[in-house]
Amino acid sequence: MTAELSLHNLAVWAAQVFVITLIGALLPVVFRMRHSRSKLLYNRLLLVTALLLAGGLLLPTYLY
C-alpha cells in the first residue's frame, strides 16, 4: 500500500509540474514578454513554484 501511495503521489506531483510548466511556458509568448531581465525573473519564479510543489508547501497532499 505504501508503494502504491508513493507512486500515486509521484504521478500527481509530475502532473502538477507538467501543467505549471506548460502554462508557464505559454504565458510569456501570450503577453509578448521581451525584456531579458523580466524573462529571467519569470523563469526563476516558475522554477521556485515547481520546487515548492515537490516539498508539498503549495498544495499539501491531504487536499486531494
N, C-alpha and C. Protein backbone atom coordinates (compact mmCIF):
# COMPACT_ATOMS: atom_id res chain seq x y z
N MET A 1 0.82 -1.20 0.00
CA MET A 1 0.00 0.00 0.00
C MET A 1 0.86 1.26 0.00
N THR A 2 1.97 1.23 0.71
CA THR A 2 2.85 2.39 0.75
C THR A 2 3.44 2.67 -0.63
N ALA A 3 3.81 1.62 -1.34
CA ALA A 3 4.36 1.80 -2.68
C ALA A 3 3.32 2.39 -3.62
N GLU A 4 2.07 1.96 -3.48
CA GLU A 4 1.01 2.50 -4.32
C GLU A 4 0.79 3.98 -4.05
N LEU A 5 0.81 4.35 -2.78
CA LEU A 5 0.63 5.77 -2.43
C LEU A 5 1.81 6.60 -2.91
N SER A 6 3.01 6.05 -2.81
CA SER A 6 4.19 6.78 -3.27
C SER A 6 4.12 7.01 -4.77
N LEU A 7 3.73 5.98 -5.51
CA LEU A 7 3.61 6.14 -6.96
C LEU A 7 2.48 7.11 -7.32
N HIS A 8 1.41 7.06 -6.56
CA HIS A 8 0.30 8.00 -6.80
C HIS A 8 0.76 9.43 -6.54
N ASN A 9 1.45 9.65 -5.43
CA ASN A 9 1.95 10.99 -5.10
C ASN A 9 2.93 11.48 -6.16
N LEU A 10 3.79 10.59 -6.65
CA LEU A 10 4.74 10.96 -7.70
C LEU A 10 4.01 11.34 -8.98
N ALA A 11 2.99 10.58 -9.33
CA ALA A 11 2.23 10.87 -10.54
C ALA A 11 1.48 12.20 -10.42
N VAL A 12 0.89 12.46 -9.26
CA VAL A 12 0.18 13.72 -9.06
C VAL A 12 1.14 14.89 -9.11
N TRP A 13 2.29 14.75 -8.47
CA TRP A 13 3.29 15.82 -8.50
C TRP A 13 3.77 16.07 -9.92
N ALA A 14 4.04 15.00 -10.67
CA ALA A 14 4.51 15.15 -12.05
C ALA A 14 3.46 15.85 -12.91
N ALA A 15 2.20 15.52 -12.69
CA ALA A 15 1.13 16.18 -13.44
C ALA A 15 1.05 17.67 -13.10
N GLN A 16 1.19 17.99 -11.82
CA GLN A 16 1.15 19.40 -11.40
C GLN A 16 2.31 20.18 -12.01
N VAL A 17 3.50 19.60 -11.95
CA VAL A 17 4.67 20.28 -12.52
C VAL A 17 4.52 20.43 -14.03
N PHE A 18 3.98 19.42 -14.69
CA PHE A 18 3.77 19.50 -16.13
C PHE A 18 2.81 20.63 -16.50
N VAL A 19 1.70 20.71 -15.78
CA VAL A 19 0.70 21.75 -16.08
C VAL A 19 1.27 23.14 -15.80
N ILE A 20 1.95 23.30 -14.68
CA ILE A 20 2.54 24.60 -14.35
C ILE A 20 3.60 24.99 -15.38
N THR A 21 4.42 24.03 -15.79
CA THR A 21 5.46 24.31 -16.78
C THR A 21 4.85 24.64 -18.13
N LEU A 22 3.83 23.90 -18.52
CA LEU A 22 3.18 24.16 -19.80
C LEU A 22 2.55 25.55 -19.83
N ILE A 23 1.79 25.87 -18.80
CA ILE A 23 1.18 27.20 -18.73
C ILE A 23 2.26 28.27 -18.60
N GLY A 24 3.27 27.98 -17.79
CA GLY A 24 4.36 28.93 -17.60
C GLY A 24 5.14 29.20 -18.87
N ALA A 25 5.25 28.21 -19.73
CA ALA A 25 5.96 28.41 -21.00
C ALA A 25 5.13 29.21 -21.99
N LEU A 26 3.82 29.11 -21.89
CA LEU A 26 2.95 29.81 -22.83
C LEU A 26 2.69 31.27 -22.46
N LEU A 27 2.70 31.58 -21.18
CA LEU A 27 2.37 32.95 -20.76
C LEU A 27 3.31 34.02 -21.31
N PRO A 28 4.63 33.82 -21.31
CA PRO A 28 5.48 34.88 -21.89
C PRO A 28 5.22 35.11 -23.37
N VAL A 29 4.82 34.08 -24.09
CA VAL A 29 4.50 34.24 -25.51
C VAL A 29 3.20 35.01 -25.67
N VAL A 30 2.21 34.68 -24.85
CA VAL A 30 0.91 35.35 -24.93
C VAL A 30 1.04 36.83 -24.58
N PHE A 31 1.82 37.12 -23.54
CA PHE A 31 1.97 38.52 -23.11
C PHE A 31 3.14 39.22 -23.79
N ARG A 32 3.79 38.57 -24.72
CA ARG A 32 4.90 39.13 -25.50
C ARG A 32 5.98 39.73 -24.61
N MET A 33 6.45 38.92 -23.70
CA MET A 33 7.49 39.35 -22.79
C MET A 33 8.82 39.37 -23.55
N ARG A 34 9.41 40.54 -23.69
CA ARG A 34 10.62 40.70 -24.49
C ARG A 34 11.85 41.06 -23.64
N HIS A 35 11.63 41.69 -22.53
CA HIS A 35 12.74 42.15 -21.70
C HIS A 35 13.44 40.96 -21.06
N SER A 36 14.77 40.88 -21.22
CA SER A 36 15.50 39.70 -20.76
C SER A 36 15.49 39.55 -19.23
N ARG A 37 15.56 40.65 -18.50
CA ARG A 37 15.51 40.55 -17.04
C ARG A 37 14.15 40.08 -16.55
N SER A 38 13.12 40.53 -17.22
CA SER A 38 11.77 40.06 -16.86
C SER A 38 11.63 38.58 -17.13
N LYS A 39 12.17 38.11 -18.24
CA LYS A 39 12.12 36.68 -18.55
C LYS A 39 12.90 35.87 -17.52
N LEU A 40 14.05 36.37 -17.11
CA LEU A 40 14.87 35.68 -16.12
C LEU A 40 14.13 35.58 -14.79
N LEU A 41 13.56 36.68 -14.34
CA LEU A 41 12.80 36.68 -13.09
C LEU A 41 11.59 35.74 -13.19
N TYR A 42 10.91 35.79 -14.30
CA TYR A 42 9.74 34.94 -14.51
C TYR A 42 10.14 33.46 -14.47
N ASN A 43 11.22 33.10 -15.16
CA ASN A 43 11.65 31.70 -15.17
C ASN A 43 12.11 31.24 -13.80
N ARG A 44 12.73 32.11 -13.04
CA ARG A 44 13.14 31.75 -11.68
C ARG A 44 11.92 31.52 -10.79
N LEU A 45 10.92 32.36 -10.91
CA LEU A 45 9.69 32.17 -10.13
C LEU A 45 8.98 30.88 -10.53
N LEU A 46 9.02 30.56 -11.80
CA LEU A 46 8.43 29.31 -12.27
C LEU A 46 9.18 28.10 -11.68
N LEU A 47 10.49 28.18 -11.63
CA LEU A 47 11.29 27.11 -11.04
C LEU A 47 11.01 26.96 -9.56
N VAL A 48 10.94 28.07 -8.84
CA VAL A 48 10.66 28.02 -7.40
C VAL A 48 9.28 27.42 -7.15
N THR A 49 8.31 27.77 -7.98
CA THR A 49 6.97 27.22 -7.84
C THR A 49 6.99 25.70 -8.01
N ALA A 50 7.69 25.22 -9.01
CA ALA A 50 7.77 23.77 -9.23
C ALA A 50 8.48 23.08 -8.08
N LEU A 51 9.52 23.70 -7.54
CA LEU A 51 10.25 23.10 -6.43
C LEU A 51 9.43 23.11 -5.14
N LEU A 52 8.63 24.15 -4.94
CA LEU A 52 7.77 24.19 -3.76
C LEU A 52 6.68 23.13 -3.84
N LEU A 53 6.25 22.81 -5.05
CA LEU A 53 5.29 21.72 -5.21
C LEU A 53 5.91 20.40 -4.78
N ALA A 54 7.19 20.23 -5.05
CA ALA A 54 7.88 18.99 -4.69
C ALA A 54 7.90 18.82 -3.17
N GLY A 55 8.04 19.89 -2.44
CA GLY A 55 8.07 19.83 -0.99
C GLY A 55 6.69 19.80 -0.36
N GLY A 56 5.65 19.95 -1.17
CA GLY A 56 4.29 19.94 -0.65
C GLY A 56 3.92 21.23 0.06
N LEU A 57 4.66 22.30 -0.19
CA LEU A 57 4.38 23.55 0.50
C LEU A 57 3.24 24.33 -0.13
N LEU A 58 3.06 24.18 -1.44
CA LEU A 58 1.98 24.93 -2.09
C LEU A 58 0.65 24.19 -2.02
N LEU A 59 0.67 22.90 -2.31
CA LEU A 59 -0.54 22.09 -2.27
C LEU A 59 -0.28 20.87 -1.40
N PRO A 60 -0.61 20.94 -0.13
CA PRO A 60 -0.37 19.78 0.74
C PRO A 60 -1.12 18.55 0.24
N THR A 61 -0.56 17.39 0.51
CA THR A 61 -1.11 16.15 -0.04
C THR A 61 -2.49 15.80 0.55
N TYR A 62 -2.86 16.35 1.67
CA TYR A 62 -4.15 16.00 2.24
C TYR A 62 -5.31 16.69 1.53
N LEU A 63 -5.04 17.60 0.60
CA LEU A 63 -6.11 18.31 -0.09
C LEU A 63 -6.73 17.49 -1.22
N TYR A 64 -6.05 16.47 -1.70
CA TYR A 64 -6.60 15.67 -2.78
C TYR A 64 -6.63 14.22 -2.44
